Amino acid sequence: MRTTNNLLFMSNLNPVFLAVIAGIFIWAMSAFGASFVFLSKEPSRKLYGSMLGFAGGVMIAASYWSLLAPAIKIAGESGHWPWLPAAIGFLAGSFFIMLLDKLIPHLHLGFPIEEAEGINARHVSRSILLILAITIHNIPEGLAVGVAFGTLSALDLPSTFTGAVAVALGIGIQDVPEGLAVAMPLRGMGLSRLRSFWYGQLSAIVEPVAAIVGALAVTIINPLLPYALSFAAGAMIYVVIEEVIPESQRGGNTDLATMSAIFGFIVMMILDNAVWLK
C-alpha cells in the first residue's frame, strides 16, 4: 500500500520537473560509467562489443515497449488511424538523427580517423570526434525520457508513471557502458584520467536538455503526444541500426555482441512490464 501511495504521489508531480530529475539521473549514470577510468585499464574490444550490444538491446526494447506501442494505442483511442501518427513520427525521428549524422563531425568507437563523418570532420581532433559521436547517441535517449514523463500530462495514470520510470532506468543502465566507452579511449590517447572523465560525462550533458525539450513538447501541445513518442522511437532505432549494432560487431566477437543485445532487450522488457512496477 505504501509503495502504491508513493507512486501516486510521484505521478502527480509536474511532468517537466520529473523529466528534469530523470534527465539528471541518466546523465549521472553516464558520469558513473566514465568514473571507471580512475579504477581500471582500458577494457578489451570484446568487452566494448558486449557493452554496445547490451545498449542496443535496451534501446530497441525501450523504443517499442515504452514509446511506439503507447503511441499507436493513444492514436487509436483518439479516433485516428493508429498507425499514421506513429509512422509519421517514426520517420521524422529517423530523418532528424540522419541529418545530425550528416552535419555533426564525429567518429564511432573503434573506427579509424579516415572514417570520420560529418562536415569538416578531418579538421577536428579524434578525441572531440569520439565525444560528439556519443553525444549524437544521447540526444534520442534524453528525448525518450522527456517524452515518457511528458505523457503524464495527458495520461495521468500510475501505470504511465511506472512506464516512464522504466524508460529512465533502462536508459540509465545502458548509459553506464556508454560513459565508459568515451572515457577509456580518451585515456588511451594520452589524456589524464581527470580530463578523460570530464569529457566522458560531458558527452551526456545533452540528455537532461533533450529530456526537458521532449517533456515540454508534449505538455504544451497534447495532440503531439503520439507523434513525439514515435519520434523518439524512430531516433533511437536509427542510432541502433546505423551505429550501435555495427560498432558492437566490429571487433569480431559477433556472437557475444548479439547475445548481449538480446540480454539488454530482455532486461528492458522486464523493467517495462515487471509486476512490481505496476
C-alpha atoms as a PDB file:
ATOM      1  CA  MET A   1       0.000   0.000   0.000  1.00  0.00           C
ATOM      2  CA  ARG A   2       2.818   2.405   0.873  1.00  0.00           C
ATOM      3  CA  THR A   3       4.526   1.716  -2.468  1.00  0.00           C
ATOM      4  CA  THR A   4       1.255   2.437  -4.310  1.00  0.00           C
ATOM      5  CA  ASN A   5       0.798   5.693  -2.387  1.00  0.00           C
ATOM      6  CA  ASN A   6       4.354   6.750  -3.191  1.00  0.00           C
ATOM      7  CA  LEU A   7       3.769   6.064  -6.884  1.00  0.00           C
ATOM      8  CA  LEU A   8       0.560   8.079  -6.807  1.00  0.00           C
ATOM      9  CA  PHE A   9       2.342  10.985  -5.127  1.00  0.00           C
ATOM     10  CA  MET A  10       5.229  10.939  -7.590  1.00  0.00           C
ATOM     11  CA  SER A  11       2.938  10.632 -10.606  1.00  0.00           C
ATOM     12  CA  ASN A  12       1.113  13.809  -9.505  1.00  0.00           C
ATOM     13  CA  LEU A  13       4.274  15.929  -9.642  1.00  0.00           C
ATOM     14  CA  ASN A  14       4.881  18.263 -12.566  1.00  0.00           C
ATOM     15  CA  PRO A  15       5.847  16.140 -15.605  1.00  0.00           C
ATOM     16  CA  VAL A  16       8.564  18.592 -16.688  1.00  0.00           C
ATOM     17  CA  PHE A  17      10.062  18.521 -13.183  1.00  0.00           C
ATOM     18  CA  LEU A  18      10.064  14.718 -13.279  1.00  0.00           C
ATOM     19  CA  ALA A  19      11.707  14.814 -16.717  1.00  0.00           C
ATOM     20  CA  VAL A  20      14.456  17.069 -15.338  1.00  0.00           C
ATOM     21  CA  ILE A  21      15.115  14.654 -12.463  1.00  0.00           C
ATOM     22  CA  ALA A  22      15.147  11.682 -14.848  1.00  0.00           C
ATOM     23  CA  GLY A  23      17.439  13.534 -17.270  1.00  0.00           C
ATOM     24  CA  ILE A  24      19.878  14.274 -14.460  1.00  0.00           C
ATOM     25  CA  PHE A  25      19.709  10.626 -13.415  1.00  0.00           C
ATOM     26  CA  ILE A  26      20.661   9.267 -16.844  1.00  0.00           C
ATOM     27  CA  TRP A  27      23.441  11.866 -17.133  1.00  0.00           C
ATOM     28  CA  ALA A  28      24.720  10.764 -13.703  1.00  0.00           C
ATOM     29  CA  MET A  29      24.764   7.144 -14.871  1.00  0.00           C
ATOM     30  CA  SER A  30      26.975   8.161 -17.801  1.00  0.00           C
ATOM     31  CA  ALA A  31      29.223  10.009 -15.375  1.00  0.00           C
ATOM     32  CA  PHE A  32      29.336   6.880 -13.192  1.00  0.00           C
ATOM     33  CA  GLY A  33      30.445   4.821 -16.185  1.00  0.00           C
ATOM     34  CA  ALA A  34      33.090   7.389 -17.078  1.00  0.00           C
ATOM     35  CA  SER A  35      34.386   7.334 -13.484  1.00  0.00           C
ATOM     36  CA  PHE A  36      35.735   3.804 -14.027  1.00  0.00           C
ATOM     37  CA  VAL A  37      38.606   5.482 -15.829  1.00  0.00           C
ATOM     38  CA  PHE A  38      40.050   6.169 -12.358  1.00  0.00           C
ATOM     39  CA  LEU A  39      39.978   2.492 -11.396  1.00  0.00           C
ATOM     40  CA  SER A  40      40.983   0.285 -14.295  1.00  0.00           C
ATOM     41  CA  LYS A  41      42.791  -0.097 -17.561  1.00  0.00           C
ATOM     42  CA  GLU A  42      41.074   0.189 -20.921  1.00  0.00           C
ATOM     43  CA  PRO A  43      38.658  -2.735 -21.434  1.00  0.00           C
ATOM     44  CA  SER A  44      39.194  -5.127 -24.286  1.00  0.00           C
ATOM     45  CA  ARG A  45      37.423  -4.768 -27.612  1.00  0.00           C
ATOM     46  CA  LYS A  46      35.384  -7.845 -26.638  1.00  0.00           C
ATOM     47  CA  LEU A  47      34.037  -6.024 -23.581  1.00  0.00           C
ATOM     48  CA  TYR A  48      33.304  -2.909 -25.637  1.00  0.00           C
ATOM     49  CA  GLY A  49      31.357  -5.039 -28.114  1.00  0.00           C
ATOM     50  CA  SER A  50      29.268  -6.645 -25.389  1.00  0.00           C
ATOM     51  CA  MET A  51      28.605  -3.243 -23.781  1.00  0.00           C
ATOM     52  CA  LEU A  52      27.452  -1.747 -27.062  1.00  0.00           C
ATOM     53  CA  GLY A  53      25.338  -4.815 -27.842  1.00  0.00           C
ATOM     54  CA  PHE A  54      23.642  -4.569 -24.452  1.00  0.00           C
ATOM     55  CA  ALA A  55      22.988  -0.855 -25.012  1.00  0.00           C
ATOM     56  CA  GLY A  56      21.478  -1.606 -28.407  1.00  0.00           C
ATOM     57  CA  GLY A  57      19.140  -4.216 -26.945  1.00  0.00           C
ATOM     58  CA  VAL A  58      17.951  -1.825 -24.252  1.00  0.00           C
ATOM     59  CA  MET A  59      17.299   0.911 -26.814  1.00  0.00           C
ATOM     60  CA  ILE A  60      15.331  -1.409 -29.118  1.00  0.00           C
ATOM     61  CA  ALA A  61      13.124  -2.656 -26.275  1.00  0.00           C
ATOM     62  CA  ALA A  62      12.536   0.857 -24.918  1.00  0.00           C
ATOM     63  CA  SER A  63      11.650   2.079 -28.400  1.00  0.00           C
ATOM     64  CA  TYR A  64       8.848  -0.456 -28.702  1.00  0.00           C
ATOM     65  CA  TRP A  65       7.515  -1.147 -25.197  1.00  0.00           C
ATOM     66  CA  SER A  66       7.727   2.413 -23.867  1.00  0.00           C
ATOM     67  CA  LEU A  67       7.355   4.607 -26.950  1.00  0.00           C
ATOM     68  CA  LEU A  68       5.999   3.106 -30.163  1.00  0.00           C
ATOM     69  CA  ALA A  69       3.326   0.815 -28.689  1.00  0.00           C
ATOM     70  CA  PRO A  70       1.883   3.600 -26.470  1.00  0.00           C
ATOM     71  CA  ALA A  71       1.912   5.979 -29.474  1.00  0.00           C
ATOM     72  CA  ILE A  72      -0.191   3.529 -31.512  1.00  0.00           C
ATOM     73  CA  LYS A  73      -2.575   2.967 -28.598  1.00  0.00           C
ATOM     74  CA  ILE A  74      -3.056   6.693 -27.923  1.00  0.00           C
ATOM     75  CA  ALA A  75      -3.653   7.444 -31.608  1.00  0.00           C
ATOM     76  CA  GLY A  76      -6.244   4.663 -31.788  1.00  0.00           C
ATOM     77  CA  GLU A  77      -8.099   5.949 -28.741  1.00  0.00           C
ATOM     78  CA  SER A  78      -8.198   9.428 -30.301  1.00  0.00           C
ATOM     79  CA  GLY A  79     -10.111   8.155 -33.312  1.00  0.00           C
ATOM     80  CA  HIS A  80      -7.201   8.341 -35.766  1.00  0.00           C
ATOM     81  CA  TRP A  81      -5.709   5.587 -37.841  1.00  0.00           C
ATOM     82  CA  PRO A  82      -3.497   4.089 -35.121  1.00  0.00           C
ATOM     83  CA  TRP A  83      -0.520   3.581 -37.392  1.00  0.00           C
ATOM     84  CA  LEU A  84      -0.454   7.010 -39.071  1.00  0.00           C
ATOM     85  CA  PRO A  85       0.901   9.270 -36.279  1.00  0.00           C
ATOM     86  CA  ALA A  86       3.323   6.508 -35.281  1.00  0.00           C
ATOM     87  CA  ALA A  87       4.601   6.128 -38.851  1.00  0.00           C
ATOM     88  CA  ILE A  88       4.974   9.891 -39.353  1.00  0.00           C
ATOM     89  CA  GLY A  89       6.731  10.407 -36.017  1.00  0.00           C
ATOM     90  CA  PHE A  90       8.961   7.373 -36.504  1.00  0.00           C
ATOM     91  CA  LEU A  91      10.125   8.607 -39.915  1.00  0.00           C
ATOM     92  CA  ALA A  92      10.637  12.151 -38.629  1.00  0.00           C
ATOM     93  CA  GLY A  93      12.788  10.920 -35.739  1.00  0.00           C
ATOM     94  CA  SER A  94      14.882   8.785 -38.073  1.00  0.00           C
ATOM     95  CA  PHE A  95      15.446  11.649 -40.523  1.00  0.00           C
ATOM     96  CA  PHE A  96      16.308  14.009 -37.660  1.00  0.00           C
ATOM     97  CA  ILE A  97      19.160  11.803 -36.440  1.00  0.00           C
ATOM     98  CA  MET A  98      20.274  11.129 -40.013  1.00  0.00           C
ATOM     99  CA  LEU A  99      20.559  14.893 -40.547  1.00  0.00           C
ATOM    100  CA  LEU A 100      22.608  15.293 -37.371  1.00  0.00           C
ATOM    101  CA  ASP A 101      24.770  12.394 -38.520  1.00  0.00           C
ATOM    102  CA  LYS A 102      25.475  14.155 -41.810  1.00  0.00           C
ATOM    103  CA  LEU A 103      26.156  17.563 -40.282  1.00  0.00           C
ATOM    104  CA  ILE A 104      27.954  16.993 -36.963  1.00  0.00           C
ATOM    105  CA  PRO A 105      31.571  15.794 -37.257  1.00  0.00           C
ATOM    106  CA  HIS A 106      32.045  12.563 -35.294  1.00  0.00           C
ATOM    107  CA  LEU A 107      33.934   9.276 -35.202  1.00  0.00           C
ATOM    108  CA  HIS A 108      32.482   5.991 -33.995  1.00  0.00           C
ATOM    109  CA  LEU A 109      34.312   3.948 -31.387  1.00  0.00           C
ATOM    110  CA  GLY A 110      36.976   1.677 -32.869  1.00  0.00           C
ATOM    111  CA  PHE A 111      36.867   3.273 -36.332  1.00  0.00           C
ATOM    112  CA  PRO A 112      39.985   4.721 -37.990  1.00  0.00           C
ATOM    113  CA  ILE A 113      40.165   8.503 -38.312  1.00  0.00           C
ATOM    114  CA  GLU A 114      39.697   8.154 -42.081  1.00  0.00           C
ATOM    115  CA  GLU A 115      36.103   7.017 -41.442  1.00  0.00           C
ATOM    116  CA  ALA A 116      35.103  10.153 -39.528  1.00  0.00           C
ATOM    117  CA  GLU A 117      31.741  11.529 -40.652  1.00  0.00           C
ATOM    118  CA  GLY A 118      30.132  14.965 -40.808  1.00  0.00           C
ATOM    119  CA  ILE A 119      31.122  18.390 -42.117  1.00  0.00           C
ATOM    120  CA  ASN A 120      34.871  19.124 -41.930  1.00  0.00           C
ATOM    121  CA  ALA A 121      35.350  16.018 -39.768  1.00  0.00           C
ATOM    122  CA  ARG A 122      39.015  15.608 -40.733  1.00  0.00           C
ATOM    123  CA  HIS A 123      39.834  19.007 -39.277  1.00  0.00           C
ATOM    124  CA  VAL A 124      38.573  18.022 -35.815  1.00  0.00           C
ATOM    125  CA  SER A 125      40.659  16.157 -33.228  1.00  0.00           C
ATOM    126  CA  ARG A 126      39.989  12.462 -32.687  1.00  0.00           C
ATOM    127  CA  SER A 127      39.006  12.974 -29.041  1.00  0.00           C
ATOM    128  CA  ILE A 128      36.353  15.564 -29.908  1.00  0.00           C
ATOM    129  CA  LEU A 129      35.037  13.337 -32.700  1.00  0.00           C
ATOM    130  CA  LEU A 130      34.536  10.470 -30.242  1.00  0.00           C
ATOM    131  CA  ILE A 131      32.746  12.735 -27.774  1.00  0.00           C
ATOM    132  CA  LEU A 132      30.431  14.060 -30.474  1.00  0.00           C
ATOM    133  CA  ALA A 133      29.598  10.512 -31.614  1.00  0.00           C
ATOM    134  CA  ILE A 134      28.265   9.580 -28.177  1.00  0.00           C
ATOM    135  CA  THR A 135      26.546  12.950 -27.886  1.00  0.00           C
ATOM    136  CA  ILE A 136      24.522  12.121 -31.013  1.00  0.00           C
ATOM    137  CA  HIS A 137      23.562   8.807 -29.361  1.00  0.00           C
ATOM    138  CA  ASN A 138      22.413  10.627 -26.231  1.00  0.00           C
ATOM    139  CA  ILE A 139      20.008  13.075 -27.899  1.00  0.00           C
ATOM    140  CA  PRO A 140      17.275  10.492 -28.656  1.00  0.00           C
ATOM    141  CA  GLU A 141      17.790   8.912 -25.243  1.00  0.00           C
ATOM    142  CA  GLY A 142      17.112  12.215 -23.495  1.00  0.00           C
ATOM    143  CA  LEU A 143      14.128  12.861 -25.763  1.00  0.00           C
ATOM    144  CA  ALA A 144      12.706   9.428 -24.960  1.00  0.00           C
ATOM    145  CA  VAL A 145      12.890  10.053 -21.225  1.00  0.00           C
ATOM    146  CA  GLY A 146      11.374  13.518 -21.537  1.00  0.00           C
ATOM    147  CA  VAL A 147       8.519  12.380 -23.758  1.00  0.00           C
ATOM    148  CA  ALA A 148       7.795   9.411 -21.475  1.00  0.00           C
ATOM    149  CA  PHE A 149       7.364  11.691 -18.457  1.00  0.00           C
ATOM    150  CA  GLY A 150       5.595  14.346 -20.507  1.00  0.00           C
ATOM    151  CA  THR A 151       2.974  11.704 -21.268  1.00  0.00           C
ATOM    152  CA  LEU A 152       1.777  12.125 -17.675  1.00  0.00           C
ATOM    153  CA  SER A 153       0.183  15.421 -18.670  1.00  0.00           C
ATOM    154  CA  ALA A 154      -2.191  13.573 -20.994  1.00  0.00           C
ATOM    155  CA  LEU A 155      -2.488  10.191 -19.288  1.00  0.00           C
ATOM    156  CA  ASP A 156      -2.460  10.793 -15.548  1.00  0.00           C
ATOM    157  CA  LEU A 157      -2.208   7.140 -14.529  1.00  0.00           C
ATOM    158  CA  PRO A 158       0.196   5.351 -12.164  1.00  0.00           C
ATOM    159  CA  SER A 159       0.952   2.828 -14.918  1.00  0.00           C
ATOM    160  CA  THR A 160       2.063   5.691 -17.192  1.00  0.00           C
ATOM    161  CA  PHE A 161       4.399   6.934 -14.479  1.00  0.00           C
ATOM    162  CA  THR A 162       5.904   3.498 -13.864  1.00  0.00           C
ATOM    163  CA  GLY A 163       6.420   3.090 -17.617  1.00  0.00           C
ATOM    164  CA  ALA A 164       8.329   6.372 -17.694  1.00  0.00           C
ATOM    165  CA  VAL A 165      10.419   5.244 -14.721  1.00  0.00           C
ATOM    166  CA  ALA A 166      11.216   2.040 -16.614  1.00  0.00           C
ATOM    167  CA  VAL A 167      12.445   4.089 -19.587  1.00  0.00           C
ATOM    168  CA  ALA A 168      14.720   6.133 -17.326  1.00  0.00           C
ATOM    169  CA  LEU A 169      16.041   3.025 -15.570  1.00  0.00           C
ATOM    170  CA  GLY A 170      16.684   1.167 -18.811  1.00  0.00           C
ATOM    171  CA  ILE A 171      18.455   4.071 -20.500  1.00  0.00           C
ATOM    172  CA  GLY A 172      20.364   4.798 -17.301  1.00  0.00           C
ATOM    173  CA  ILE A 173      21.643   1.203 -17.202  1.00  0.00           C
ATOM    174  CA  GLN A 174      22.877   1.350 -20.784  1.00  0.00           C
ATOM    175  CA  ASP A 175      24.440   4.793 -20.194  1.00  0.00           C
ATOM    176  CA  VAL A 176      26.985   3.269 -17.812  1.00  0.00           C
ATOM    177  CA  PRO A 177      28.902   1.451 -20.582  1.00  0.00           C
ATOM    178  CA  GLU A 178      28.466   4.477 -22.870  1.00  0.00           C
ATOM    179  CA  GLY A 179      30.221   6.729 -20.361  1.00  0.00           C
ATOM    180  CA  LEU A 180      32.990   4.171 -20.045  1.00  0.00           C
ATOM    181  CA  ALA A 181      33.188   3.819 -23.828  1.00  0.00           C
ATOM    182  CA  VAL A 182      34.041   7.520 -24.118  1.00  0.00           C
ATOM    183  CA  ALA A 183      36.393   7.923 -21.171  1.00  0.00           C
ATOM    184  CA  MET A 184      38.596   4.872 -21.724  1.00  0.00           C
ATOM    185  CA  PRO A 185      39.612   5.584 -25.342  1.00  0.00           C
ATOM    186  CA  LEU A 186      40.395   9.185 -24.392  1.00  0.00           C
ATOM    187  CA  ARG A 187      42.637   7.881 -21.626  1.00  0.00           C
ATOM    188  CA  GLY A 188      44.302   5.602 -24.175  1.00  0.00           C
ATOM    189  CA  MET A 189      45.037   8.656 -26.335  1.00  0.00           C
ATOM    190  CA  GLY A 190      47.103  10.164 -23.535  1.00  0.00           C
ATOM    191  CA  LEU A 191      44.583  12.394 -21.772  1.00  0.00           C
ATOM    192  CA  SER A 192      44.741  12.470 -17.986  1.00  0.00           C
ATOM    193  CA  ARG A 193      42.258  10.414 -16.014  1.00  0.00           C
ATOM    194  CA  LEU A 194      40.511  13.579 -14.832  1.00  0.00           C
ATOM    195  CA  ARG A 195      40.164  15.016 -18.338  1.00  0.00           C
ATOM    196  CA  SER A 196      39.017  11.644 -19.687  1.00  0.00           C
ATOM    197  CA  PHE A 197      36.329  11.512 -17.012  1.00  0.00           C
ATOM    198  CA  TRP A 198      35.327  15.126 -17.663  1.00  0.00           C
ATOM    199  CA  TYR A 199      34.813  14.586 -21.378  1.00  0.00           C
ATOM    200  CA  GLY A 200      33.130  11.239 -20.755  1.00  0.00           C
ATOM    201  CA  GLN A 201      30.411  12.775 -18.601  1.00  0.00           C
ATOM    202  CA  LEU A 202      30.241  15.888 -20.773  1.00  0.00           C
ATOM    203  CA  SER A 203      29.076  13.783 -23.718  1.00  0.00           C
ATOM    204  CA  ALA A 204      25.870  13.034 -21.762  1.00  0.00           C
ATOM    205  CA  ILE A 205      25.091  16.587 -20.630  1.00  0.00           C
ATOM    206  CA  VAL A 206      22.768  16.874 -23.641  1.00  0.00           C
ATOM    207  CA  GLU A 207      20.454  14.260 -22.098  1.00  0.00           C
ATOM    208  CA  PRO A 208      18.829  16.485 -19.424  1.00  0.00           C
ATOM    209  CA  VAL A 209      18.405  19.235 -22.041  1.00  0.00           C
ATOM    210  CA  ALA A 210      16.778  16.841 -24.512  1.00  0.00           C
ATOM    211  CA  ALA A 211      14.575  15.466 -21.707  1.00  0.00           C
ATOM    212  CA  ILE A 212      13.258  18.962 -20.959  1.00  0.00           C
ATOM    213  CA  VAL A 213      12.593  19.613 -24.651  1.00  0.00           C
ATOM    214  CA  GLY A 214      10.712  16.321 -25.014  1.00  0.00           C
ATOM    215  CA  ALA A 215       8.598  16.882 -21.896  1.00  0.00           C
ATOM    216  CA  LEU A 216       7.732  20.470 -22.819  1.00  0.00           C
ATOM    217  CA  ALA A 217       6.738  19.480 -26.346  1.00  0.00           C
ATOM    218  CA  VAL A 218       4.068  17.043 -25.220  1.00  0.00           C
ATOM    219  CA  THR A 219       2.839  19.019 -22.189  1.00  0.00           C
ATOM    220  CA  ILE A 220       2.338  22.222 -24.175  1.00  0.00           C
ATOM    221  CA  ILE A 221       0.753  20.567 -27.209  1.00  0.00           C
ATOM    222  CA  ASN A 222      -1.006  17.351 -26.111  1.00  0.00           C
ATOM    223  CA  PRO A 223      -2.074  16.333 -29.654  1.00  0.00           C
ATOM    224  CA  LEU A 224       1.646  15.927 -30.410  1.00  0.00           C
ATOM    225  CA  LEU A 225       1.905  13.043 -27.939  1.00  0.00           C
ATOM    226  CA  PRO A 226       1.715  10.049 -30.329  1.00  0.00           C
ATOM    227  CA  TYR A 227       3.987  11.856 -32.789  1.00  0.00           C
ATOM    228  CA  ALA A 228       6.502  12.746 -30.066  1.00  0.00           C
ATOM    229  CA  LEU A 229       6.571   9.204 -28.672  1.00  0.00           C
ATOM    230  CA  SER A 230       7.180   7.683 -32.098  1.00  0.00           C
ATOM    231  CA  PHE A 231       9.678  10.448 -32.979  1.00  0.00           C
ATOM    232  CA  ALA A 232      11.823   9.417 -30.011  1.00  0.00           C
ATOM    233  CA  ALA A 233      11.418   5.749 -31.002  1.00  0.00           C
ATOM    234  CA  GLY A 234      12.491   6.420 -34.591  1.00  0.00           C
ATOM    235  CA  ALA A 235      15.502   8.417 -33.439  1.00  0.00           C
ATOM    236  CA  MET A 236      16.658   5.626 -31.133  1.00  0.00           C
ATOM    237  CA  ILE A 237      16.123   2.853 -33.658  1.00  0.00           C
ATOM    238  CA  TYR A 238      18.100   4.814 -36.262  1.00  0.00           C
ATOM    239  CA  VAL A 239      21.031   5.138 -33.857  1.00  0.00           C
ATOM    240  CA  VAL A 240      20.881   1.430 -33.000  1.00  0.00           C
ATOM    241  CA  ILE A 241      20.785   0.209 -36.618  1.00  0.00           C
ATOM    242  CA  GLU A 242      23.181   2.737 -38.116  1.00  0.00           C
ATOM    243  CA  GLU A 243      25.748   2.932 -35.322  1.00  0.00           C
ATOM    244  CA  VAL A 244      25.396   0.889 -32.138  1.00  0.00           C
ATOM    245  CA  ILE A 245      24.937  -2.605 -33.579  1.00  0.00           C
ATOM    246  CA  PRO A 246      27.566  -2.223 -36.368  1.00  0.00           C
ATOM    247  CA  GLU A 247      30.067  -0.923 -33.816  1.00  0.00           C
ATOM    248  CA  SER A 248      29.352  -3.805 -31.441  1.00  0.00           C
ATOM    249  CA  GLN A 249      30.038  -6.314 -34.238  1.00  0.00           C
ATOM    250  CA  ARG A 250      33.216  -4.631 -35.463  1.00  0.00           C
ATOM    251  CA  GLY A 251      35.625  -6.369 -33.104  1.00  0.00           C
ATOM    252  CA  GLY A 252      34.849  -9.811 -34.497  1.00  0.00           C
ATOM    253  CA  ASN A 253      33.049 -11.130 -31.406  1.00  0.00           C
ATOM    254  CA  THR A 254      29.711 -11.190 -33.185  1.00  0.00           C
ATOM    255  CA  ASP A 255      28.071 -13.943 -31.119  1.00  0.00           C
ATOM    256  CA  LEU A 256      28.921 -12.220 -27.842  1.00  0.00           C
ATOM    257  CA  ALA A 257      27.693  -8.849 -29.093  1.00  0.00           C
ATOM    258  CA  THR A 258      24.471 -10.390 -30.413  1.00  0.00           C
ATOM    259  CA  MET A 259      23.709 -12.253 -27.183  1.00  0.00           C
ATOM    260  CA  SER A 260      24.476  -9.084 -25.208  1.00  0.00           C
ATOM    261  CA  ALA A 261      21.909  -7.234 -27.337  1.00  0.00           C
ATOM    262  CA  ILE A 262      19.329  -9.955 -26.649  1.00  0.00           C
ATOM    263  CA  PHE A 263      20.079  -9.789 -22.928  1.00  0.00           C
ATOM    264  CA  GLY A 264      19.743  -5.995 -22.979  1.00  0.00           C
ATOM    265  CA  PHE A 265      16.381  -6.320 -24.731  1.00  0.00           C
ATOM    266  CA  ILE A 266      15.166  -8.796 -22.104  1.00  0.00           C
ATOM    267  CA  VAL A 267      16.310  -6.565 -19.222  1.00  0.00           C
ATOM    268  CA  MET A 268      14.444  -3.566 -20.628  1.00  0.00           C
ATOM    269  CA  MET A 269      11.368  -5.660 -21.420  1.00  0.00           C
ATOM    270  CA  ILE A 270      11.275  -6.897 -17.829  1.00  0.00           C
ATOM    271  CA  LEU A 271      11.733  -3.373 -16.459  1.00  0.00           C
ATOM    272  CA  ASP A 272       8.855  -2.095 -18.563  1.00  0.00           C
ATOM    273  CA  ASN A 273       6.480  -4.936 -17.756  1.00  0.00           C
ATOM    274  CA  ALA A 274       7.505  -6.154 -14.311  1.00  0.00           C
ATOM    275  CA  VAL A 275       4.670  -6.687 -11.860  1.00  0.00           C
ATOM    276  CA  TRP A 276       6.481  -4.778  -9.099  1.00  0.00           C
ATOM    277  CA  LEU A 277       6.437  -1.631 -11.268  1.00  0.00           C
ATOM    278  CA  LYS A 278       2.698  -1.819 -11.992  1.00  0.00           C
END
